[in-house]
Amino acid sequence: MIGLLDTPVEIIQEIVVCLPADSLLDLFAICHLLNYLSTSAQTALLEHHGIRDPTRCTFDLDNYTTGAPLRADALCTLTAGLHIKHMKFLQCNLTICGYNGQWMWLPSEHLLRLQRLIQRLTWIDEVILTFNMETETDLDDADLKSGIDILQNLLNTIITKSCKTLRIINSGSFF
């Protein structure tokens, strides 16, 4: 019986290029070989999000993707790239519009995803986190504590990666 990985590399690469972005993210996680073979498709996906150099990137995260099926945003694509081990510059602009107390506090999911990316890195030189909260709703104590814990864990992770510069912009809107 012949398996997918018995197929010539050129054919697998042609198939990978035709996959939708969300399916491509699933492919990255299957095995190192498919992750490696899908590098050209990953590069195209990053360029779609305006990232030409995955070691120096700026991207936006917003709550429009929270609760929706996984979209192939820039953070998912960067996290899926097993070959990215060092970053010189990372800027994440977090925009939250509204709050729904029934679910996890909206920035939590994105901050946890960002932490997973940084955990995979060997080192990172500079990180900039920008918060833009466009909501008038007050957080309850549980959400506030959860948000503080998640942010503290993220910052600790950044520091352990030998980060030389960490800037937090508009942090007052975080709470």
Protein backbone atom coordinates (compact mmCIF):
# COMPACT_ATOMS: atom_id res chain seq x y z
CA MET A 1 0.00 0.00 0.00
CA ILE A 2 1.33 3.42 -0.97
CA GLY A 3 0.94 6.33 1.45
CA LEU A 4 0.92 10.08 0.95
CA LEU A 5 4.56 10.42 1.97
CA ASP A 6 5.53 7.91 -0.75
CA THR A 7 4.37 10.45 -3.33
CA PRO A 8 7.14 12.49 -5.01
CA VAL A 9 7.96 15.71 -3.16
CA GLU A 10 7.11 17.88 -6.18
CA ILE A 11 3.55 16.51 -6.30
CA ILE A 12 3.03 17.00 -2.55
CA GLN A 13 4.20 20.62 -2.89
CA GLU A 14 1.76 21.23 -5.76
CA ILE A 15 -1.09 19.80 -3.65
CA VAL A 16 -0.10 21.89 -0.62
CA VAL A 17 -0.15 25.13 -2.60
CA CYS A 18 -3.78 24.45 -3.59
CA LEU A 19 -5.04 23.89 -0.03
CA PRO A 20 -7.20 26.49 1.70
CA ALA A 21 -5.43 28.37 4.49
CA ASP A 22 -7.28 26.64 7.33
CA SER A 23 -6.44 23.19 5.96
CA LEU A 24 -2.84 24.26 5.52
CA LEU A 25 -2.64 24.97 9.25
CA ASP A 26 -3.77 21.40 9.97
CA LEU A 27 -1.13 20.08 7.58
CA PHE A 28 1.69 21.89 9.41
CA ALA A 29 1.04 19.87 12.56
CA ILE A 30 0.92 16.38 11.01
CA CYS A 31 4.65 15.71 10.80
CA HIS A 32 7.98 17.46 10.35
CA LEU A 33 8.22 16.39 6.71
CA LEU A 34 4.85 17.88 5.73
CA ASN A 35 5.64 21.00 7.74
CA TYR A 36 8.91 21.33 5.85
CA LEU A 37 7.27 20.65 2.48
CA SER A 38 4.59 23.22 3.15
CA THR A 39 7.11 26.01 3.83
CA SER A 40 6.44 27.71 0.48
CA ALA A 41 2.72 27.69 1.14
CA GLN A 42 3.36 29.02 4.65
CA THR A 43 5.46 31.83 3.20
CA ALA A 44 2.59 32.75 0.89
CA LEU A 45 0.16 32.69 3.81
CA LEU A 46 2.41 34.97 5.87
CA GLU A 47 2.76 37.36 2.92
CA HIS A 48 -1.04 37.43 2.69
CA HIS A 49 -0.95 38.87 6.23
CA GLY A 50 1.76 41.38 5.29
CA ILE A 51 4.65 39.43 6.87
CA ARG A 52 7.64 39.04 4.59
CA ASP A 53 10.17 38.09 7.24
CA PRO A 54 8.80 35.81 10.00
CA THR A 55 11.68 36.85 12.28
CA ARG A 56 10.62 40.53 12.11
CA CYS A 57 6.87 40.91 12.04
CA THR A 58 3.91 43.00 13.09
CA PHE A 59 0.39 41.64 13.13
CA ASP A 60 -3.06 42.48 14.44
CA LEU A 61 -5.30 40.32 16.60
CA ASP A 62 -8.92 41.21 17.19
CA ASN A 63 -11.95 39.66 18.82
CA TYR A 64 -13.69 39.15 15.50
CA THR A 65 -12.01 35.73 15.33
CA THR A 66 -12.83 34.74 18.92
CA GLY A 67 -15.48 32.05 19.10
CA ALA A 68 -15.43 31.61 15.32
CA PRO A 69 -13.92 28.60 13.60
CA LEU A 70 -10.13 28.83 13.47
CA ARG A 71 -9.00 31.22 10.82
CA ALA A 72 -5.54 31.21 9.36
CA ASP A 73 -4.46 34.47 10.94
CA ALA A 74 -0.83 35.57 11.18
CA LEU A 75 -0.39 34.20 14.71
CA CYS A 76 -1.66 30.71 13.72
CA THR A 77 0.66 30.68 10.73
CA LEU A 78 3.69 31.75 12.77
CA THR A 79 2.93 29.19 15.46
CA ALA A 80 2.56 26.43 12.86
CA GLY A 81 6.02 27.17 11.45
CA LEU A 82 8.18 24.63 13.27
CA HIS A 83 11.32 26.08 11.67
CA ILE A 84 10.99 29.51 13.32
CA LYS A 85 13.23 29.43 16.40
CA HIS A 86 14.59 32.99 16.67
CA MET A 87 12.84 36.33 16.27
CA LYS A 88 14.40 39.75 16.14
CA PHE A 89 11.20 41.77 16.38
CA LEU A 90 7.57 40.97 17.17
CA GLN A 91 4.77 43.50 17.47
CA CYS A 92 1.27 42.36 18.32
CA ASN A 93 -1.59 44.87 18.14
CA LEU A 94 -4.51 43.56 20.20
CA THR A 95 -7.88 45.18 19.49
CA ILE A 96 -10.94 44.21 21.52
CA CYS A 97 -14.38 45.61 20.73
CA GLY A 98 -16.89 44.66 23.40
CA TYR A 99 -17.08 42.11 26.17
CA ASN A 100 -19.37 39.17 26.76
CA GLY A 101 -19.23 37.86 30.32
CA GLN A 102 -20.58 34.44 29.35
CA TRP A 103 -17.30 33.33 27.78
CA MET A 104 -13.64 33.71 28.53
CA TRP A 105 -12.47 37.30 28.59
CA LEU A 106 -11.81 38.12 24.94
CA PRO A 107 -8.07 38.95 25.06
CA SER A 108 -7.34 35.75 26.99
CA GLU A 109 -7.45 33.45 23.97
CA HIS A 110 -5.14 35.67 21.93
CA LEU A 111 -2.68 36.18 24.78
CA LEU A 112 -2.52 32.42 25.36
CA ARG A 113 -1.92 31.83 21.64
CA LEU A 114 0.83 34.47 21.64
CA GLN A 115 2.43 32.80 24.66
CA ARG A 116 2.45 29.43 22.84
CA LEU A 117 4.33 31.04 19.93
CA ILE A 118 6.91 32.63 22.22
CA GLN A 119 7.37 29.40 24.19
CA ARG A 120 8.50 27.67 20.99
CA LEU A 121 11.22 30.24 20.34
CA THR A 122 14.78 29.91 21.55
CA TRP A 123 15.14 33.68 21.88
CA ILE A 124 13.49 36.95 20.86
CA ASP A 125 15.14 40.38 20.82
CA GLU A 126 12.25 42.85 20.96
CA VAL A 127 8.53 42.56 21.73
CA ILE A 128 5.92 45.29 21.51
CA LEU A 129 2.40 44.66 22.78
CA THR A 130 -0.22 47.26 21.92
CA PHE A 131 -3.64 47.14 23.57
CA ASN A 132 -6.66 48.89 22.12
CA MET A 133 -9.79 48.11 24.10
CA GLU A 134 -12.85 49.70 22.58
CA THR A 135 -15.31 48.79 25.31
CA GLU A 136 -17.04 50.56 28.17
CA THR A 137 -18.03 47.36 29.96
CA ASP A 138 -16.47 46.75 33.37
CA LEU A 139 -14.85 43.40 33.94
CA ASP A 140 -15.94 41.30 36.90
CA ASP A 141 -13.32 40.28 39.47
CA ALA A 142 -12.85 36.75 38.08
CA ASP A 143 -12.19 38.03 34.54
CA LEU A 144 -9.85 40.72 35.82
CA LYS A 145 -7.83 38.19 37.86
CA SER A 146 -7.76 35.77 34.93
CA GLY A 147 -6.57 38.55 32.60
CA ILE A 148 -3.83 39.58 35.03
CA ASP A 149 -2.64 35.97 35.42
CA ILE A 150 -2.56 35.37 31.68
CA LEU A 151 -0.72 38.63 30.98
CA GLN A 152 1.77 37.92 33.78
CA ASN A 153 2.48 34.44 32.36
CA LEU A 154 2.97 35.91 28.89
CA LEU A 155 5.38 38.57 30.18
CA ASN A 156 7.33 35.97 32.19
CA THR A 157 7.61 33.81 29.07
CA ILE A 158 8.90 36.77 27.06
CA ILE A 159 11.50 37.57 29.70
CA THR A 160 12.77 33.97 29.83
CA LYS A 161 13.53 34.16 26.08
CA SER A 162 16.35 36.68 26.64
CA CYS A 163 14.22 39.55 25.39
CA LYS A 164 16.29 42.74 25.26
CA THR A 165 13.37 45.16 24.79
CA LEU A 166 9.78 44.77 25.95
CA ARG A 167 7.33 47.62 25.37
CA ILE A 168 3.70 47.67 26.35
CA ILE A 169 1.71 50.43 24.66
CA ASN A 170 -1.67 51.67 25.87
CA SER A 171 -1.69 49.23 28.77
CA GLY A 172 -4.19 51.40 30.65
CA SER A 173 -6.91 50.21 28.28
CA PHE A 174 -6.09 46.59 29.21
CA PHE A 175 -8.20 47.00 32.34
